[in-house]
């Protein structure tokens, strides 16, 4: 199988690990750090993979990762009690149901699922 795995910037491996593992329910699949703050971390959940690079230099900041899921509302209900969500799920005119949030480094997590019910803003 071929796939692309986004590499996003972070500032602190431990902080990012708490957010993605404890907050969003990803599993840490690998971690490389000598001081507990700088390094790299790989996380995975249901086939979705993200690599976090702390500190990432030369590649820009404020990245956006799209997570394509089977049910955006299910993820919203799970995550809203553990992390800050920017907006509730909504049906988009372009044919998906979405919501988004920011991780501790300011990266946007854009969750995309199939439409639910009738289209609405």
Protein backbone atom coordinates (compact mmCIF):
# COMPACT_ATOMS: atom_id res chain seq x y z
CA UNK A 1 0.00 0.00 0.00
CA UNK A 2 1.19 3.49 -0.81
CA UNK A 3 0.21 6.51 1.27
CA UNK A 4 1.24 10.01 2.21
CA UNK A 5 1.86 10.80 5.87
CA UNK A 6 1.78 14.49 6.82
CA UNK A 7 4.67 15.87 8.88
CA UNK A 8 3.53 18.76 11.03
CA UNK A 9 5.48 21.12 13.27
CA UNK A 10 5.37 21.19 17.04
CA UNK A 11 7.20 22.88 19.89
CA UNK A 12 7.21 20.22 22.59
CA UNK A 13 6.98 16.44 22.02
CA UNK A 14 5.41 15.78 25.43
CA UNK A 15 2.71 18.43 24.92
CA UNK A 16 1.92 17.17 21.41
CA UNK A 17 1.82 13.57 22.64
CA UNK A 18 -0.68 14.49 25.39
CA UNK A 19 -2.91 16.23 22.83
CA UNK A 20 -2.85 13.54 20.14
CA UNK A 21 -2.74 10.45 22.39
CA UNK A 22 -4.68 11.50 25.51
CA UNK A 23 -6.92 14.07 23.81
CA UNK A 24 -7.66 12.60 20.38
CA UNK A 25 -7.12 8.91 21.09
CA UNK A 26 -4.27 8.30 18.64
CA UNK A 27 -1.59 5.74 19.56
CA UNK A 28 2.07 6.69 19.63
CA UNK A 29 3.70 4.30 17.14
CA UNK A 30 7.24 5.63 17.56
CA UNK A 31 9.10 8.40 19.36
CA UNK A 32 12.59 9.83 18.99
CA UNK A 33 13.73 12.29 21.67
CA UNK A 34 16.75 12.76 23.87
CA UNK A 35 15.37 15.42 26.20
CA UNK A 36 11.60 14.82 26.21
CA UNK A 37 10.90 18.10 24.41
CA UNK A 38 12.69 18.05 21.02
CA UNK A 39 12.43 15.21 18.53
CA UNK A 40 9.87 13.39 16.43
CA UNK A 41 6.71 11.45 17.19
CA UNK A 42 4.57 9.18 15.02
CA UNK A 43 0.89 8.71 15.87
CA UNK A 44 -1.82 6.55 14.29
CA UNK A 45 -5.55 5.94 14.65
CA UNK A 46 -7.74 3.78 12.40
CA UNK A 47 -5.20 3.97 9.56
CA UNK A 48 -4.69 7.75 9.88
CA UNK A 49 -1.02 8.57 10.46
CA UNK A 50 0.70 11.83 11.42
CA UNK A 51 4.36 12.57 12.13
CA UNK A 52 5.14 15.46 14.49
CA UNK A 53 8.53 17.19 14.28
CA UNK A 54 9.62 19.37 17.25
CA UNK A 55 11.03 21.81 16.35
CA UNK A 56 10.53 21.57 12.59
CA UNK A 57 12.67 24.06 10.72
CA UNK A 58 12.72 24.99 7.06
CA UNK A 59 9.25 23.67 6.25
CA UNK A 60 6.97 26.47 7.49
CA UNK A 61 4.58 26.50 10.40
CA UNK A 62 0.82 26.41 10.98
CA UNK A 63 0.13 23.30 8.94
CA UNK A 64 -3.28 21.81 8.22
CA UNK A 65 -4.05 18.09 8.30
CA UNK A 66 -7.29 16.68 6.88
CA UNK A 67 -8.57 13.54 8.57
CA UNK A 68 -11.07 11.65 6.40
CA UNK A 69 -13.36 9.68 8.72
CA UNK A 70 -16.51 7.55 8.43
CA UNK A 71 -18.54 9.74 10.83
CA UNK A 72 -17.44 13.30 11.71
CA UNK A 73 -20.11 13.61 14.41
CA UNK A 74 -18.79 10.54 16.24
CA UNK A 75 -15.30 12.07 16.45
CA UNK A 76 -16.77 15.43 17.50
CA UNK A 77 -18.75 13.81 20.33
CA UNK A 78 -15.68 11.88 21.51
CA UNK A 79 -13.25 14.80 21.38
CA UNK A 80 -15.34 17.80 22.53
CA UNK A 81 -14.98 16.94 26.24
CA UNK A 82 -11.19 16.50 26.01
CA UNK A 83 -9.98 19.24 23.61
CA UNK A 84 -11.18 22.63 22.38
CA UNK A 85 -13.12 22.39 19.11
CA UNK A 86 -13.26 25.49 16.88
CA UNK A 87 -16.75 24.78 15.51
CA UNK A 88 -19.42 22.08 15.58
CA UNK A 89 -19.85 19.73 12.61
CA UNK A 90 -21.72 21.14 9.63
CA UNK A 91 -22.68 19.95 6.19
CA UNK A 92 -20.66 21.74 3.52
CA UNK A 93 -22.07 22.77 0.13
CA UNK A 94 -19.27 20.78 -1.53
CA UNK A 95 -20.62 17.51 -0.14
CA UNK A 96 -18.96 16.70 3.19
CA UNK A 97 -19.60 17.13 6.90
CA UNK A 98 -16.72 18.89 8.65
CA UNK A 99 -15.41 20.41 11.87
CA UNK A 100 -11.99 21.66 12.88
CA UNK A 101 -9.70 22.22 15.83
CA UNK A 102 -6.17 23.41 16.58
CA UNK A 103 -3.40 21.42 18.24
CA UNK A 104 -1.07 23.04 20.82
CA UNK A 105 1.34 24.21 18.07
CA UNK A 106 -1.43 25.99 16.13
CA UNK A 107 -1.82 23.38 13.40
CA UNK A 108 -5.37 22.92 12.09
CA UNK A 109 -6.98 19.48 12.22
CA UNK A 110 -9.78 19.47 9.60
CA UNK A 111 -12.12 16.50 10.06
CA UNK A 112 -14.08 15.43 6.96
CA UNK A 113 -16.88 12.86 6.90
CA UNK A 114 -19.90 12.05 4.76
CA UNK A 115 -22.94 14.33 4.80
CA UNK A 116 -25.50 13.76 7.53
CA UNK A 117 -29.22 14.46 7.08
CA UNK A 118 -30.20 17.44 4.97
CA UNK A 119 -27.68 20.05 3.85
CA UNK A 120 -27.37 22.97 6.22
CA UNK A 121 -24.80 25.58 7.13
